[in-house]
PDB file of all heavy atoms in Angstrom:
ATOM      1  N   THR A   1     -25.878   9.658   3.355  1.00  0.00           N
ATOM      2  CA  THR A   1     -25.136  10.871   3.024  1.00  0.00           C
ATOM      3  C   THR A   1     -23.987  11.125   3.991  1.00  0.00           C
ATOM      4  O   THR A   1     -22.921  11.597   3.603  1.00  0.00           O
ATOM      5  CB  THR A   1     -26.088  12.088   3.017  1.00  0.00           C
ATOM      6  OG1 THR A   1     -27.173  11.797   2.138  1.00  0.00           O
ATOM      7  CG2 THR A   1     -25.395  13.338   2.543  1.00  0.00           C
ATOM      8  N   ALA A   2     -24.187  10.806   5.254  1.00  0.00           N
ATOM      9  CA  ALA A   2     -23.162  11.057   6.268  1.00  0.00           C
ATOM     10  C   ALA A   2     -22.014  10.051   6.197  1.00  0.00           C
ATOM     11  O   ALA A   2     -20.868  10.392   6.492  1.00  0.00           O
ATOM     12  CB  ALA A   2     -23.793  11.027   7.655  1.00  0.00           C
ATOM     13  N   THR A   3     -22.304   8.814   5.799  1.00  0.00           N
ATOM     14  CA  THR A   3     -21.279   7.762   5.854  1.00  0.00           C
ATOM     15  C   THR A   3     -20.703   7.376   4.490  1.00  0.00           C
ATOM     16  O   THR A   3     -19.629   6.769   4.429  1.00  0.00           O
ATOM     17  CB  THR A   3     -21.855   6.503   6.530  1.00  0.00           C
ATOM     18  OG1 THR A   3     -23.002   6.060   5.788  1.00  0.00           O
ATOM     19  CG2 THR A   3     -22.249   6.783   7.970  1.00  0.00           C
ATOM     20  N   ALA A   4     -21.378   7.732   3.411  1.00  0.00           N
ATOM     21  CA  ALA A   4     -20.904   7.368   2.067  1.00  0.00           C
ATOM     22  C   ALA A   4     -19.501   7.908   1.763  1.00  0.00           C
ATOM     23  O   ALA A   4     -18.692   7.173   1.183  1.00  0.00           O
ATOM     24  CB  ALA A   4     -21.907   7.820   1.008  1.00  0.00           C
ATOM     25  N   PRO A   5     -19.175   9.152   2.132  1.00  0.00           N
ATOM     26  CA  PRO A   5     -17.815   9.641   1.843  1.00  0.00           C
ATOM     27  C   PRO A   5     -16.717   8.807   2.508  1.00  0.00           C
ATOM     28  O   PRO A   5     -15.647   8.608   1.924  1.00  0.00           O
ATOM     29  CB  PRO A   5     -17.827  11.078   2.384  1.00  0.00           C
ATOM     30  CG  PRO A   5     -19.259  11.483   2.353  1.00  0.00           C
ATOM     31  CD  PRO A   5     -20.025  10.218   2.664  1.00  0.00           C
ATOM     32  N   GLU A   6     -16.980   8.291   3.689  1.00  0.00           N
ATOM     33  CA  GLU A   6     -15.998   7.455   4.385  1.00  0.00           C
ATOM     34  C   GLU A   6     -15.764   6.154   3.605  1.00  0.00           C
ATOM     35  O   GLU A   6     -14.624   5.730   3.410  1.00  0.00           O
ATOM     36  CB  GLU A   6     -16.492   7.136   5.799  1.00  0.00           C
ATOM     37  CG  GLU A   6     -15.542   6.245   6.573  1.00  0.00           C
ATOM     38  CD  GLU A   6     -16.110   5.821   7.933  1.00  0.00           C
ATOM     39  OE1 GLU A   6     -17.205   6.247   8.310  1.00  0.00           O
ATOM     40  OE2 GLU A   6     -15.410   5.033   8.592  1.00  0.00           O
ATOM     41  N   LEU A   7     -16.848   5.535   3.146  1.00  0.00           N
ATOM     42  CA  LEU A   7     -16.711   4.309   2.358  1.00  0.00           C
ATOM     43  C   LEU A   7     -15.984   4.593   1.048  1.00  0.00           C
ATOM     44  O   LEU A   7     -15.088   3.844   0.648  1.00  0.00           O
ATOM     45  CB  LEU A   7     -18.085   3.684   2.079  1.00  0.00           C
ATOM     46  CG  LEU A   7     -18.069   2.449   1.177  1.00  0.00           C
ATOM     47  CD1 LEU A   7     -17.216   1.333   1.776  1.00  0.00           C
ATOM     48  CD2 LEU A   7     -19.489   1.970   0.912  1.00  0.00           C
ATOM     49  N   GLU A   8     -16.352   5.676   0.401  1.00  0.00           N
ATOM     50  CA  GLU A   8     -15.712   6.042  -0.865  1.00  0.00           C
ATOM     51  C   GLU A   8     -14.203   6.241  -0.683  1.00  0.00           C
ATOM     52  O   GLU A   8     -13.397   5.763  -1.483  1.00  0.00           O
ATOM     53  CB  GLU A   8     -16.355   7.311  -1.424  1.00  0.00           C
ATOM     54  CG  GLU A   8     -15.917   7.635  -2.823  1.00  0.00           C
ATOM     55  CD  GLU A   8     -16.763   8.737  -3.442  1.00  0.00           C
ATOM     56  OE1 GLU A   8     -17.212   9.648  -2.712  1.00  0.00           O
ATOM     57  OE2 GLU A   8     -16.964   8.680  -4.657  1.00  0.00           O
ATOM     58  N   ALA A   9     -13.808   6.905   0.394  1.00  0.00           N
ATOM     59  CA  ALA A   9     -12.386   7.131   0.671  1.00  0.00           C
ATOM     60  C   ALA A   9     -11.662   5.810   0.907  1.00  0.00           C
ATOM     61  O   ALA A   9     -10.567   5.588   0.380  1.00  0.00           O
ATOM     62  CB  ALA A   9     -12.230   8.052   1.881  1.00  0.00           C
ATOM     63  N   LYS A  10     -12.271   4.910   1.674  1.00  0.00           N
ATOM     64  CA  LYS A  10     -11.640   3.608   1.933  1.00  0.00           C
ATOM     65  C   LYS A  10     -11.502   2.802   0.646  1.00  0.00           C
ATOM     66  O   LYS A  10     -10.495   2.128   0.432  1.00  0.00           O
ATOM     67  CB  LYS A  10     -12.432   2.828   2.980  1.00  0.00           C
ATOM     68  CG  LYS A  10     -12.235   3.355   4.378  1.00  0.00           C
ATOM     69  CD  LYS A  10     -12.701   2.369   5.419  1.00  0.00           C
ATOM     70  CE  LYS A  10     -12.664   2.977   6.790  1.00  0.00           C
ATOM     71  NZ  LYS A  10     -11.464   2.734   7.516  1.00  0.00           N
ATOM     72  N   LEU A  11     -12.509   2.861  -0.209  1.00  0.00           N
ATOM     73  CA  LEU A  11     -12.436   2.145  -1.481  1.00  0.00           C
ATOM     74  C   LEU A  11     -11.331   2.711  -2.361  1.00  0.00           C
ATOM     75  O   LEU A  11     -10.567   1.965  -2.968  1.00  0.00           O
ATOM     76  CB  LEU A  11     -13.775   2.209  -2.215  1.00  0.00           C
ATOM     77  CG  LEU A  11     -14.881   1.310  -1.662  1.00  0.00           C
ATOM     78  CD1 LEU A  11     -16.202   1.627  -2.337  1.00  0.00           C
ATOM     79  CD2 LEU A  11     -14.528  -0.153  -1.821  1.00  0.00           C
ATOM     80  N   ASN A  12     -11.252   4.030  -2.434  1.00  0.00           N
ATOM     81  CA  ASN A  12     -10.218   4.666  -3.257  1.00  0.00           C
ATOM     82  C   ASN A  12      -8.820   4.269  -2.813  1.00  0.00           C
ATOM     83  O   ASN A  12      -7.915   4.139  -3.631  1.00  0.00           O
ATOM     84  CB  ASN A  12     -10.379   6.185  -3.252  1.00  0.00           C
ATOM     85  CG  ASN A  12     -11.592   6.635  -4.045  1.00  0.00           C
ATOM     86  OD1 ASN A  12     -12.097   5.919  -4.904  1.00  0.00           O
ATOM     87  ND2 ASN A  12     -12.080   7.823  -3.739  1.00  0.00           N
ATOM     88  N   GLN A  13      -8.633   4.067  -1.515  1.00  0.00           N
ATOM     89  CA  GLN A  13      -7.333   3.669  -0.970  1.00  0.00           C
ATOM     90  C   GLN A  13      -7.036   2.194  -1.213  1.00  0.00           C
ATOM     91  O   GLN A  13      -5.875   1.792  -1.213  1.00  0.00           O
ATOM     92  CB  GLN A  13      -7.287   3.889   0.543  1.00  0.00           C
ATOM     93  CG  GLN A  13      -7.418   5.307   0.992  1.00  0.00           C
ATOM     94  CD  GLN A  13      -7.647   5.399   2.507  1.00  0.00           C
ATOM     95  OE1 GLN A  13      -7.767   4.389   3.191  1.00  0.00           O
ATOM     96  NE2 GLN A  13      -7.742   6.618   3.008  1.00  0.00           N
ATOM     97  N   SER A  14      -8.084   1.387  -1.404  1.00  0.00           N
ATOM     98  CA  SER A  14      -7.923  -0.065  -1.341  1.00  0.00           C
ATOM     99  C   SER A  14      -8.054  -0.815  -2.658  1.00  0.00           C
ATOM    100  O   SER A  14      -7.707  -1.990  -2.715  1.00  0.00           O
ATOM    101  CB  SER A  14      -8.967  -0.640  -0.374  1.00  0.00           C
ATOM    102  OG  SER A  14      -8.893  -0.014   0.872  1.00  0.00           O
ATOM    103  N   LEU A  15      -8.588  -0.211  -3.706  1.00  0.00           N
ATOM    104  CA  LEU A  15      -8.925  -0.968  -4.914  1.00  0.00           C
ATOM    105  C   LEU A  15      -7.767  -1.222  -5.868  1.00  0.00           C
ATOM    106  O   LEU A  15      -7.891  -2.049  -6.763  1.00  0.00           O
ATOM    107  CB  LEU A  15     -10.066  -0.275  -5.673  1.00  0.00           C
ATOM    108  CG  LEU A  15     -11.439  -0.389  -5.023  1.00  0.00           C
ATOM    109  CD1 LEU A  15     -12.493   0.308  -5.869  1.00  0.00           C
ATOM    110  CD2 LEU A  15     -11.822  -1.836  -4.776  1.00  0.00           C
ATOM    111  N   ASN A  16      -6.640  -0.565  -5.673  1.00  0.00           N
ATOM    112  CA  ASN A  16      -5.515  -0.760  -6.580  1.00  0.00           C
ATOM    113  C   ASN A  16      -5.040  -2.215  -6.526  1.00  0.00           C
ATOM    114  O   ASN A  16      -4.665  -2.716  -5.481  1.00  0.00           O
ATOM    115  CB  ASN A  16      -4.374   0.189  -6.225  1.00  0.00           C
ATOM    116  CG  ASN A  16      -3.327   0.260  -7.304  1.00  0.00           C
ATOM    117  OD1 ASN A  16      -3.590  -0.069  -8.461  1.00  0.00           O
ATOM    118  ND2 ASN A  16      -2.132   0.674  -6.941  1.00  0.00           N
ATOM    119  N   GLY A  17      -5.069  -2.898  -7.669  1.00  0.00           N
ATOM    120  CA  GLY A  17      -4.621  -4.284  -7.743  1.00  0.00           C
ATOM    121  C   GLY A  17      -5.662  -5.320  -7.348  1.00  0.00           C
ATOM    122  O   GLY A  17      -5.408  -6.515  -7.417  1.00  0.00           O
ATOM    123  N   ILE A  18      -6.835  -4.877  -6.947  1.00  0.00           N
ATOM    124  CA  ILE A  18      -7.899  -5.800  -6.544  1.00  0.00           C
ATOM    125  C   ILE A  18      -8.635  -6.299  -7.792  1.00  0.00           C
ATOM    126  O   ILE A  18      -9.013  -5.513  -8.652  1.00  0.00           O
ATOM    127  CB  ILE A  18      -8.887  -5.109  -5.570  1.00  0.00           C
ATOM    128  CG1 ILE A  18      -8.176  -4.729  -4.269  1.00  0.00           C
ATOM    129  CG2 ILE A  18     -10.116  -5.978  -5.304  1.00  0.00           C
ATOM    130  CD1 ILE A  18      -7.656  -5.901  -3.455  1.00  0.00           C
ATOM    131  N   GLU A  19      -8.840  -7.609  -7.862  1.00  0.00           N
ATOM    132  CA  GLU A  19      -9.544  -8.202  -8.996  1.00  0.00           C
ATOM    133  C   GLU A  19     -10.962  -8.633  -8.637  1.00  0.00           C
ATOM    134  O   GLU A  19     -11.797  -8.829  -9.514  1.00  0.00           O
ATOM    135  CB  GLU A  19      -8.760  -9.399  -9.537  1.00  0.00           C
ATOM    136  CG  GLU A  19      -7.428  -8.970 -10.146  1.00  0.00           C
ATOM    137  CD  GLU A  19      -6.580 -10.148 -10.591  1.00  0.00           C
ATOM    138  OE1 GLU A  19      -7.016 -11.313 -10.446  1.00  0.00           O
ATOM    139  OE2 GLU A  19      -5.471  -9.891 -11.086  1.00  0.00           O
ATOM    140  N   LYS A  20     -11.223  -8.798  -7.343  1.00  0.00           N
ATOM    141  CA  LYS A  20     -12.560  -9.186  -6.898  1.00  0.00           C
ATOM    142  C   LYS A  20     -12.917  -8.367  -5.662  1.00  0.00           C
ATOM    143  O   LYS A  20     -12.209  -8.404  -4.660  1.00  0.00           O
ATOM    144  CB  LYS A  20     -12.613 -10.678  -6.582  1.00  0.00           C
ATOM    145  CG  LYS A  20     -13.993 -11.165  -6.170  1.00  0.00           C
ATOM    146  CD  LYS A  20     -13.975 -12.668  -5.933  1.00  0.00           C
ATOM    147  CE  LYS A  20     -15.337 -13.189  -5.532  1.00  0.00           C
ATOM    148  NZ  LYS A  20     -15.267 -14.632  -5.213  1.00  0.00           N
ATOM    149  N   LEU A  21     -14.007  -7.621  -5.760  1.00  0.00           N
ATOM    150  CA  LEU A  21     -14.510  -6.813  -4.652  1.00  0.00           C
ATOM    151  C   LEU A  21     -15.833  -7.414  -4.198  1.00  0.00           C
ATOM    152  O   LEU A  21     -16.745  -7.591  -5.007  1.00  0.00           O
ATOM    153  CB  LEU A  21     -14.711  -5.362  -5.096  1.00  0.00           C
ATOM    154  CG  LEU A  21     -15.410  -4.418  -4.118  1.00  0.00           C
ATOM    155  CD1 LEU A  21     -14.625  -4.295  -2.807  1.00  0.00           C
ATOM    156  CD2 LEU A  21     -15.614  -3.050  -4.750  1.00  0.00           C
ATOM    157  N   VAL A  22     -15.913  -7.745  -2.918  1.00  0.00           N
ATOM    158  CA  VAL A  22     -17.131  -8.329  -2.356  1.00  0.00           C
ATOM    159  C   VAL A  22     -17.645  -7.411  -1.253  1.00  0.00           C
ATOM    160  O   VAL A  22     -16.913  -7.070  -0.324  1.00  0.00           O
ATOM    161  CB  VAL A  22     -16.869  -9.737  -1.771  1.00  0.00           C
ATOM    162  CG1 VAL A  22     -18.138 -10.307  -1.139  1.00  0.00           C
ATOM    163  CG2 VAL A  22     -16.313 -10.669  -2.838  1.00  0.00           C
ATOM    164  N   PHE A  23     -18.911  -7.004  -1.392  1.00  0.00           N
ATOM    165  CA  PHE A  23     -19.580  -6.260  -0.329  1.00  0.00           C
ATOM    166  C   PHE A  23     -20.456  -7.234   0.434  1.00  0.00           C
ATOM    167  O   PHE A  23     -21.257  -7.952  -0.172  1.00  0.00           O
ATOM    168  CB  PHE A  23     -20.469  -5.138  -0.892  1.00  0.00           C
ATOM    169  CG  PHE A  23     -19.717  -3.928  -1.325  1.00  0.00           C
ATOM    170  CD1 PHE A  23     -19.458  -3.704  -2.666  1.00  0.00           C
ATOM    171  CD2 PHE A  23     -19.278  -2.993  -0.405  1.00  0.00           C
ATOM    172  CE1 PHE A  23     -18.770  -2.585  -3.087  1.00  0.00           C
ATOM    173  CE2 PHE A  23     -18.583  -1.867  -0.811  1.00  0.00           C
ATOM    174  CZ  PHE A  23     -18.338  -1.664  -2.147  1.00  0.00           C
ATOM    175  N   ASP A  24     -20.327  -7.262   1.755  1.00  0.00           N
ATOM    176  CA  ASP A  24     -21.183  -8.083   2.602  1.00  0.00           C
ATOM    177  C   ASP A  24     -22.156  -7.143   3.321  1.00  0.00           C
ATOM    178  O   ASP A  24     -21.749  -6.330   4.145  1.00  0.00           O
ATOM    179  CB  ASP A  24     -20.334  -8.859   3.608  1.00  0.00           C
ATOM    180  CG  ASP A  24     -21.160  -9.824   4.443  1.00  0.00           C
ATOM    181  OD1 ASP A  24     -22.408  -9.700   4.481  1.00  0.00           O
ATOM    182  OD2 ASP A  24     -20.561 -10.706   5.073  1.00  0.00           O
TER     183      ASP A  24
END
């Protein structure tokens, strides 16, 4: 709960034009 918003914000900034998203 404490860290999910940070990840969500980074994803929202980064996914434009991305065709493959890999979570490690």
